Amino acid sequence: YKMIDGVRVSFTASARWEEYYPGEGK
């Protein structure tokens, strides 16, 4: 949440396992 001109505005983001998991290595 961020205050913009006195209004609380939400910013939502999702991260999916298959897009970030680097694999079985180190």
PDB file of all heavy atoms in Angstrom:
ATOM      1  N   TYR A   1       0.840  -1.192   0.000  1.00  0.00           N
ATOM      2  CA  TYR A   1       0.000   0.000   0.000  1.00  0.00           C
ATOM      3  C   TYR A   1       0.875   1.241   0.000  1.00  0.00           C
ATOM      4  O   TYR A   1       1.892   1.299   0.688  1.00  0.00           O
ATOM      5  CB  TYR A   1      -0.911   0.010   1.227  1.00  0.00           C
ATOM      6  CG  TYR A   1      -1.900  -1.126   1.208  1.00  0.00           C
ATOM      7  CD1 TYR A   1      -1.613  -2.326   1.852  1.00  0.00           C
ATOM      8  CD2 TYR A   1      -3.097  -1.019   0.516  1.00  0.00           C
ATOM      9  CE1 TYR A   1      -2.507  -3.381   1.822  1.00  0.00           C
ATOM     10  CE2 TYR A   1      -3.999  -2.071   0.475  1.00  0.00           C
ATOM     11  CZ  TYR A   1      -3.690  -3.246   1.132  1.00  0.00           C
ATOM     12  OH  TYR A   1      -4.574  -4.296   1.080  1.00  0.00           O
ATOM     13  N   LYS A   2       0.452   2.225  -0.802  1.00  0.00           N
ATOM     14  CA  LYS A   2       1.195   3.480  -0.929  1.00  0.00           C
ATOM     15  C   LYS A   2       0.187   4.625  -0.863  1.00  0.00           C
ATOM     16  O   LYS A   2      -0.899   4.543  -1.444  1.00  0.00           O
ATOM     17  CB  LYS A   2       1.922   3.495  -2.274  1.00  0.00           C
ATOM     18  CG  LYS A   2       2.676   4.756  -2.594  1.00  0.00           C
ATOM     19  CD  LYS A   2       3.326   4.628  -3.972  1.00  0.00           C
ATOM     20  CE  LYS A   2       4.027   5.887  -4.387  1.00  0.00           C
ATOM     21  NZ  LYS A   2       4.642   5.726  -5.721  1.00  0.00           N
ATOM     22  N   MET A   3       0.538   5.668  -0.144  1.00  0.00           N
ATOM     23  CA  MET A   3      -0.314   6.854  -0.081  1.00  0.00           C
ATOM     24  C   MET A   3      -0.011   7.742  -1.293  1.00  0.00           C
ATOM     25  O   MET A   3       1.134   8.126  -1.515  1.00  0.00           O
ATOM     26  CB  MET A   3      -0.067   7.629   1.206  1.00  0.00           C
ATOM     27  CG  MET A   3      -0.452   6.875   2.466  1.00  0.00           C
ATOM     28  SD  MET A   3      -2.199   6.454   2.556  1.00  0.00           S
ATOM     29  CE  MET A   3      -2.918   8.055   2.844  1.00  0.00           C
ATOM     30  N   ILE A   4      -1.043   8.019  -2.075  1.00  0.00           N
ATOM     31  CA  ILE A   4      -0.921   8.888  -3.236  1.00  0.00           C
ATOM     32  C   ILE A   4      -1.975   9.978  -3.103  1.00  0.00           C
ATOM     33  O   ILE A   4      -3.176   9.691  -3.121  1.00  0.00           O
ATOM     34  CB  ILE A   4      -1.113   8.111  -4.556  1.00  0.00           C
ATOM     35  CG1 ILE A   4      -0.059   6.997  -4.676  1.00  0.00           C
ATOM     36  CG2 ILE A   4      -1.056   9.054  -5.745  1.00  0.00           C
ATOM     37  CD1 ILE A   4      -0.224   6.104  -5.899  1.00  0.00           C
ATOM     38  N   ASP A   5      -1.506  11.216  -2.945  1.00  0.00           N
ATOM     39  CA  ASP A   5      -2.412  12.350  -2.766  1.00  0.00           C
ATOM     40  C   ASP A   5      -3.430  12.097  -1.650  1.00  0.00           C
ATOM     41  O   ASP A   5      -4.619  12.396  -1.784  1.00  0.00           O
ATOM     42  CB  ASP A   5      -3.133  12.691  -4.071  1.00  0.00           C
ATOM     43  CG  ASP A   5      -2.178  13.138  -5.167  1.00  0.00           C
ATOM     44  OD1 ASP A   5      -1.168  13.796  -4.835  1.00  0.00           O
ATOM     45  OD2 ASP A   5      -2.433  12.830  -6.345  1.00  0.00           O
ATOM     46  N   GLY A   6      -2.963  11.510  -0.548  1.00  0.00           N
ATOM     47  CA  GLY A   6      -3.814  11.270   0.606  1.00  0.00           C
ATOM     48  C   GLY A   6      -4.730  10.064   0.500  1.00  0.00           C
ATOM     49  O   GLY A   6      -5.541   9.822   1.381  1.00  0.00           O
ATOM     50  N   VAL A   7      -4.584   9.279  -0.573  1.00  0.00           N
ATOM     51  CA  VAL A   7      -5.418   8.096  -0.780  1.00  0.00           C
ATOM     52  C   VAL A   7      -4.536   6.850  -0.709  1.00  0.00           C
ATOM     53  O   VAL A   7      -3.468   6.800  -1.331  1.00  0.00           O
ATOM     54  CB  VAL A   7      -6.128   8.158  -2.157  1.00  0.00           C
ATOM     55  CG1 VAL A   7      -6.934   6.902  -2.404  1.00  0.00           C
ATOM     56  CG2 VAL A   7      -7.004   9.391  -2.245  1.00  0.00           C
ATOM     57  N   ARG A   8      -4.979   5.859   0.052  1.00  0.00           N
ATOM     58  CA  ARG A   8      -4.238   4.594   0.141  1.00  0.00           C
ATOM     59  C   ARG A   8      -4.531   3.763  -1.112  1.00  0.00           C
ATOM     60  O   ARG A   8      -5.672   3.391  -1.374  1.00  0.00           O
ATOM     61  CB  ARG A   8      -4.660   3.828   1.385  1.00  0.00           C
ATOM     62  CG  ARG A   8      -3.808   2.610   1.642  1.00  0.00           C
ATOM     63  CD  ARG A   8      -4.186   1.985   2.950  1.00  0.00           C
ATOM     64  NE  ARG A   8      -4.903   0.748   2.693  1.00  0.00           N
ATOM     65  CZ  ARG A   8      -5.049  -0.226   3.560  1.00  0.00           C
ATOM     66  NH1 ARG A   8      -4.570  -0.096   4.773  1.00  0.00           N
ATOM     67  NH2 ARG A   8      -5.685  -1.310   3.252  1.00  0.00           N
ATOM     68  N   VAL A   9      -3.478   3.481  -1.877  1.00  0.00           N
ATOM     69  CA  VAL A   9      -3.600   2.745  -3.134  1.00  0.00           C
ATOM     70  C   VAL A   9      -2.867   1.418  -2.991  1.00  0.00           C
ATOM     71  O   VAL A   9      -1.755   1.368  -2.463  1.00  0.00           O
ATOM     72  CB  VAL A   9      -3.014   3.563  -4.308  1.00  0.00           C
ATOM     73  CG1 VAL A   9      -3.119   2.797  -5.616  1.00  0.00           C
ATOM     74  CG2 VAL A   9      -3.690   4.917  -4.405  1.00  0.00           C
ATOM     75  N   SER A  10      -3.484   0.345  -3.471  1.00  0.00           N
ATOM     76  CA  SER A  10      -2.856  -0.979  -3.366  1.00  0.00           C
ATOM     77  C   SER A  10      -2.179  -1.370  -4.675  1.00  0.00           C
ATOM     78  O   SER A  10      -2.649  -1.035  -5.762  1.00  0.00           O
ATOM     79  CB  SER A  10      -3.892  -2.041  -3.000  1.00  0.00           C
ATOM     80  OG  SER A  10      -4.860  -2.150  -4.024  1.00  0.00           O
ATOM     81  N   PHE A  11      -1.071  -2.068  -4.537  1.00  0.00           N
ATOM     82  CA  PHE A  11      -0.316  -2.620  -5.659  1.00  0.00           C
ATOM     83  C   PHE A  11      -0.073  -4.092  -5.331  1.00  0.00           C
ATOM     84  O   PHE A  11       0.618  -4.407  -4.363  1.00  0.00           O
ATOM     85  CB  PHE A  11       1.014  -1.887  -5.840  1.00  0.00           C
ATOM     86  CG  PHE A  11       0.850  -0.443  -6.210  1.00  0.00           C
ATOM     87  CD1 PHE A  11       0.674   0.529  -5.229  1.00  0.00           C
ATOM     88  CD2 PHE A  11       0.856  -0.055  -7.536  1.00  0.00           C
ATOM     89  CE1 PHE A  11       0.517   1.856  -5.566  1.00  0.00           C
ATOM     90  CE2 PHE A  11       0.688   1.283  -7.885  1.00  0.00           C
ATOM     91  CZ  PHE A  11       0.518   2.240  -6.891  1.00  0.00           C
ATOM     92  N   THR A  12      -0.658  -4.967  -6.111  1.00  0.00           N
ATOM     93  CA  THR A  12      -0.578  -6.399  -5.852  1.00  0.00           C
ATOM     94  C   THR A  12       0.215  -7.094  -6.954  1.00  0.00           C
ATOM     95  O   THR A  12       0.056  -6.769  -8.133  1.00  0.00           O
ATOM     96  CB  THR A  12      -1.985  -7.007  -5.766  1.00  0.00           C
ATOM     97  OG1 THR A  12      -2.693  -6.343  -4.711  1.00  0.00           O
ATOM     98  CG2 THR A  12      -1.941  -8.496  -5.471  1.00  0.00           C
ATOM     99  N   ALA A  13       1.051  -8.045  -6.554  1.00  0.00           N
ATOM    100  CA  ALA A  13       1.823  -8.824  -7.520  1.00  0.00           C
ATOM    101  C   ALA A  13       1.906 -10.269  -7.047  1.00  0.00           C
ATOM    102  O   ALA A  13       1.907 -10.544  -5.846  1.00  0.00           O
ATOM    103  CB  ALA A  13       3.224  -8.251  -7.681  1.00  0.00           C
ATOM    104  N   SER A  14       1.965 -11.183  -7.999  1.00  0.00           N
ATOM    105  CA  SER A  14       2.091 -12.613  -7.701  1.00  0.00           C
ATOM    106  C   SER A  14       3.330 -13.174  -8.367  1.00  0.00           C
ATOM    107  O   SER A  14       3.678 -12.789  -9.477  1.00  0.00           O
ATOM    108  CB  SER A  14       0.862 -13.368  -8.221  1.00  0.00           C
ATOM    109  OG  SER A  14      -0.289 -12.955  -7.536  1.00  0.00           O
ATOM    110  N   ALA A  15       3.979 -14.092  -7.662  1.00  0.00           N
ATOM    111  CA  ALA A  15       5.126 -14.811  -8.206  1.00  0.00           C
ATOM    112  C   ALA A  15       4.767 -16.292  -8.230  1.00  0.00           C
ATOM    113  O   ALA A  15       4.262 -16.834  -7.245  1.00  0.00           O
ATOM    114  CB  ALA A  15       6.367 -14.580  -7.344  1.00  0.00           C
ATOM    115  N   ARG A  16       4.998 -16.924  -9.345  1.00  0.00           N
ATOM    116  CA  ARG A  16       4.675 -18.346  -9.503  1.00  0.00           C
ATOM    117  C   ARG A  16       5.944 -19.183  -9.430  1.00  0.00           C
ATOM    118  O   ARG A  16       6.982 -18.820  -9.968  1.00  0.00           O
ATOM    119  CB  ARG A  16       3.961 -18.589 -10.821  1.00  0.00           C
ATOM    120  CG  ARG A  16       2.632 -17.886 -10.893  1.00  0.00           C
ATOM    121  CD  ARG A  16       1.913 -18.200 -12.195  1.00  0.00           C
ATOM    122  NE  ARG A  16       0.668 -17.470 -12.272  1.00  0.00           N
ATOM    123  CZ  ARG A  16      -0.452 -17.831 -11.681  1.00  0.00           C
ATOM    124  NH1 ARG A  16      -0.492 -18.919 -10.949  1.00  0.00           N
ATOM    125  NH2 ARG A  16      -1.545 -17.105 -11.806  1.00  0.00           N
ATOM    126  N   TRP A  17       5.831 -20.296  -8.750  1.00  0.00           N
ATOM    127  CA  TRP A  17       6.957 -21.199  -8.538  1.00  0.00           C
ATOM    128  C   TRP A  17       7.691 -21.522  -9.837  1.00  0.00           C
ATOM    129  O   TRP A  17       8.908 -21.412  -9.926  1.00  0.00           O
ATOM    130  CB  TRP A  17       6.453 -22.483  -7.874  1.00  0.00           C
ATOM    131  CG  TRP A  17       7.511 -23.513  -7.648  1.00  0.00           C
ATOM    132  CD1 TRP A  17       7.804 -24.581  -8.442  1.00  0.00           C
ATOM    133  CD2 TRP A  17       8.431 -23.562  -6.564  1.00  0.00           C
ATOM    134  NE1 TRP A  17       8.843 -25.299  -7.918  1.00  0.00           N
ATOM    135  CE2 TRP A  17       9.256 -24.687  -6.748  1.00  0.00           C
ATOM    136  CE3 TRP A  17       8.647 -22.759  -5.439  1.00  0.00           C
ATOM    137  CZ2 TRP A  17      10.263 -25.030  -5.872  1.00  0.00           C
ATOM    138  CZ3 TRP A  17       9.653 -23.112  -4.566  1.00  0.00           C
ATOM    139  CH2 TRP A  17      10.444 -24.235  -4.791  1.00  0.00           C
ATOM    140  N   GLU A  18       6.936 -21.914 -10.852  1.00  0.00           N
ATOM    141  CA  GLU A  18       7.565 -22.357 -12.102  1.00  0.00           C
ATOM    142  C   GLU A  18       8.308 -21.236 -12.821  1.00  0.00           C
ATOM    143  O   GLU A  18       9.159 -21.507 -13.669  1.00  0.00           O
ATOM    144  CB  GLU A  18       6.541 -23.012 -13.036  1.00  0.00           C
ATOM    145  CG  GLU A  18       5.363 -22.150 -13.416  1.00  0.00           C
ATOM    146  CD  GLU A  18       4.210 -22.211 -12.423  1.00  0.00           C
ATOM    147  OE1 GLU A  18       4.291 -22.893 -11.386  1.00  0.00           O
ATOM    148  OE2 GLU A  18       3.202 -21.549 -12.700  1.00  0.00           O
ATOM    149  N   GLU A  19       8.056 -19.989 -12.480  1.00  0.00           N
ATOM    150  CA  GLU A  19       8.745 -18.871 -13.114  1.00  0.00           C
ATOM    151  C   GLU A  19      10.014 -18.450 -12.370  1.00  0.00           C
ATOM    152  O   GLU A  19      10.861 -17.766 -12.942  1.00  0.00           O
ATOM    153  CB  GLU A  19       7.804 -17.670 -13.225  1.00  0.00           C
ATOM    154  CG  GLU A  19       6.644 -17.923 -14.170  1.00  0.00           C
ATOM    155  CD  GLU A  19       5.634 -16.793 -14.165  1.00  0.00           C
ATOM    156  OE1 GLU A  19       5.732 -15.883 -13.298  1.00  0.00           O
ATOM    157  OE2 GLU A  19       4.736 -16.830 -15.010  1.00  0.00           O
ATOM    158  N   TYR A  20      10.156 -18.839 -11.105  1.00  0.00           N
ATOM    159  CA  TYR A  20      11.285 -18.378 -10.300  1.00  0.00           C
ATOM    160  C   TYR A  20      12.202 -19.477  -9.773  1.00  0.00           C
ATOM    161  O   TYR A  20      13.368 -19.216  -9.509  1.00  0.00           O
ATOM    162  CB  TYR A  20      10.785 -17.510  -9.131  1.00  0.00           C
ATOM    163  CG  TYR A  20      10.317 -16.171  -9.603  1.00  0.00           C
ATOM    164  CD1 TYR A  20       8.988 -15.955  -9.926  1.00  0.00           C
ATOM    165  CD2 TYR A  20      11.210 -15.120  -9.774  1.00  0.00           C
ATOM    166  CE1 TYR A  20       8.552 -14.727 -10.400  1.00  0.00           C
ATOM    167  CE2 TYR A  20      10.792 -13.894 -10.236  1.00  0.00           C
ATOM    168  CZ  TYR A  20       9.464 -13.705 -10.548  1.00  0.00           C
ATOM    169  OH  TYR A  20       9.043 -12.487 -11.017  1.00  0.00           O
ATOM    170  N   TYR A  21      11.695 -20.678  -9.572  1.00  0.00           N
ATOM    171  CA  TYR A  21      12.530 -21.751  -9.021  1.00  0.00           C
ATOM    172  C   TYR A  21      13.702 -22.018  -9.960  1.00  0.00           C
ATOM    173  O   TYR A  21      13.501 -22.334 -11.131  1.00  0.00           O
ATOM    174  CB  TYR A  21      11.704 -23.021  -8.824  1.00  0.00           C
ATOM    175  CG  TYR A  21      12.505 -24.199  -8.332  1.00  0.00           C
ATOM    176  CD1 TYR A  21      13.234 -24.120  -7.160  1.00  0.00           C
ATOM    177  CD2 TYR A  21      12.544 -25.387  -9.056  1.00  0.00           C
ATOM    178  CE1 TYR A  21      13.974 -25.200  -6.701  1.00  0.00           C
ATOM    179  CE2 TYR A  21      13.275 -26.467  -8.602  1.00  0.00           C
ATOM    180  CZ  TYR A  21      13.988 -26.364  -7.429  1.00  0.00           C
ATOM    181  OH  TYR A  21      14.728 -27.436  -6.985  1.00  0.00           O
ATOM    182  N   PRO A  22      14.941 -21.882  -9.474  1.00  0.00           N
ATOM    183  CA  PRO A  22      16.107 -22.016 -10.352  1.00  0.00           C
ATOM    184  C   PRO A  22      16.507 -23.454 -10.690  1.00  0.00           C
ATOM    185  O   PRO A  22      17.460 -23.662 -11.433  1.00  0.00           O
ATOM    186  CB  PRO A  22      17.219 -21.316  -9.567  1.00  0.00           C
ATOM    187  CG  PRO A  22      16.820 -21.465  -8.149  1.00  0.00           C
ATOM    188  CD  PRO A  22      15.315 -21.454  -8.135  1.00  0.00           C
ATOM    189  N   GLY A  23      15.839 -24.435 -10.153  1.00  0.00           N
ATOM    190  CA  GLY A  23      16.148 -25.821 -10.496  1.00  0.00           C
ATOM    191  C   GLY A  23      16.878 -26.560  -9.387  1.00  0.00           C
ATOM    192  O   GLY A  23      17.072 -26.056  -8.289  1.00  0.00           O
ATOM    193  N   GLU A  24      17.273 -27.762  -9.705  1.00  0.00           N
ATOM    194  CA  GLU A  24      17.858 -28.664  -8.714  1.00  0.00           C
ATOM    195  C   GLU A  24      19.332 -28.400  -8.406  1.00  0.00           C
ATOM    196  O   GLU A  24      19.889 -28.996  -7.519  1.00  0.00           O
ATOM    197  CB  GLU A  24      17.701 -30.117  -9.187  1.00  0.00           C
ATOM    198  CG  GLU A  24      16.257 -30.577  -9.259  1.00  0.00           C
ATOM    199  CD  GLU A  24      15.580 -30.543  -7.901  1.00  0.00           C
ATOM    200  OE1 GLU A  24      16.208 -30.893  -6.891  1.00  0.00           O
ATOM    201  OE2 GLU A  24      14.405 -30.149  -7.848  1.00  0.00           O
ATOM    202  N   GLY A  25      19.965 -27.509  -9.123  1.00  0.00           N
ATOM    203  CA  GLY A  25      21.384 -27.237  -8.904  1.00  0.00           C
ATOM    204  C   GLY A  25      21.648 -26.449  -7.635  1.00  0.00           C
ATOM    205  O   GLY A  25      20.793 -26.287  -6.763  1.00  0.00           O
ATOM    206  N   LYS A  26      22.871 -25.924  -7.542  1.00  0.00           N
ATOM    207  CA  LYS A  26      23.314 -25.181  -6.365  1.00  0.00           C
ATOM    208  C   LYS A  26      22.433 -23.961  -6.091  1.00  0.00           C
ATOM    209  O   LYS A  26      22.135 -23.647  -4.949  1.00  0.00           O
ATOM    210  CB  LYS A  26      24.759 -24.739  -6.580  1.00  0.00           C
ATOM    211  CG  LYS A  26      25.361 -23.990  -5.422  1.00  0.00           C
ATOM    212  CD  LYS A  26      26.799 -23.612  -5.709  1.00  0.00           C
ATOM    213  CE  LYS A  26      27.362 -22.788  -4.570  1.00  0.00           C
ATOM    214  NZ  LYS A  26      28.713 -22.320  -4.857  1.00  0.00           N
TER     215      LYS A  26
END
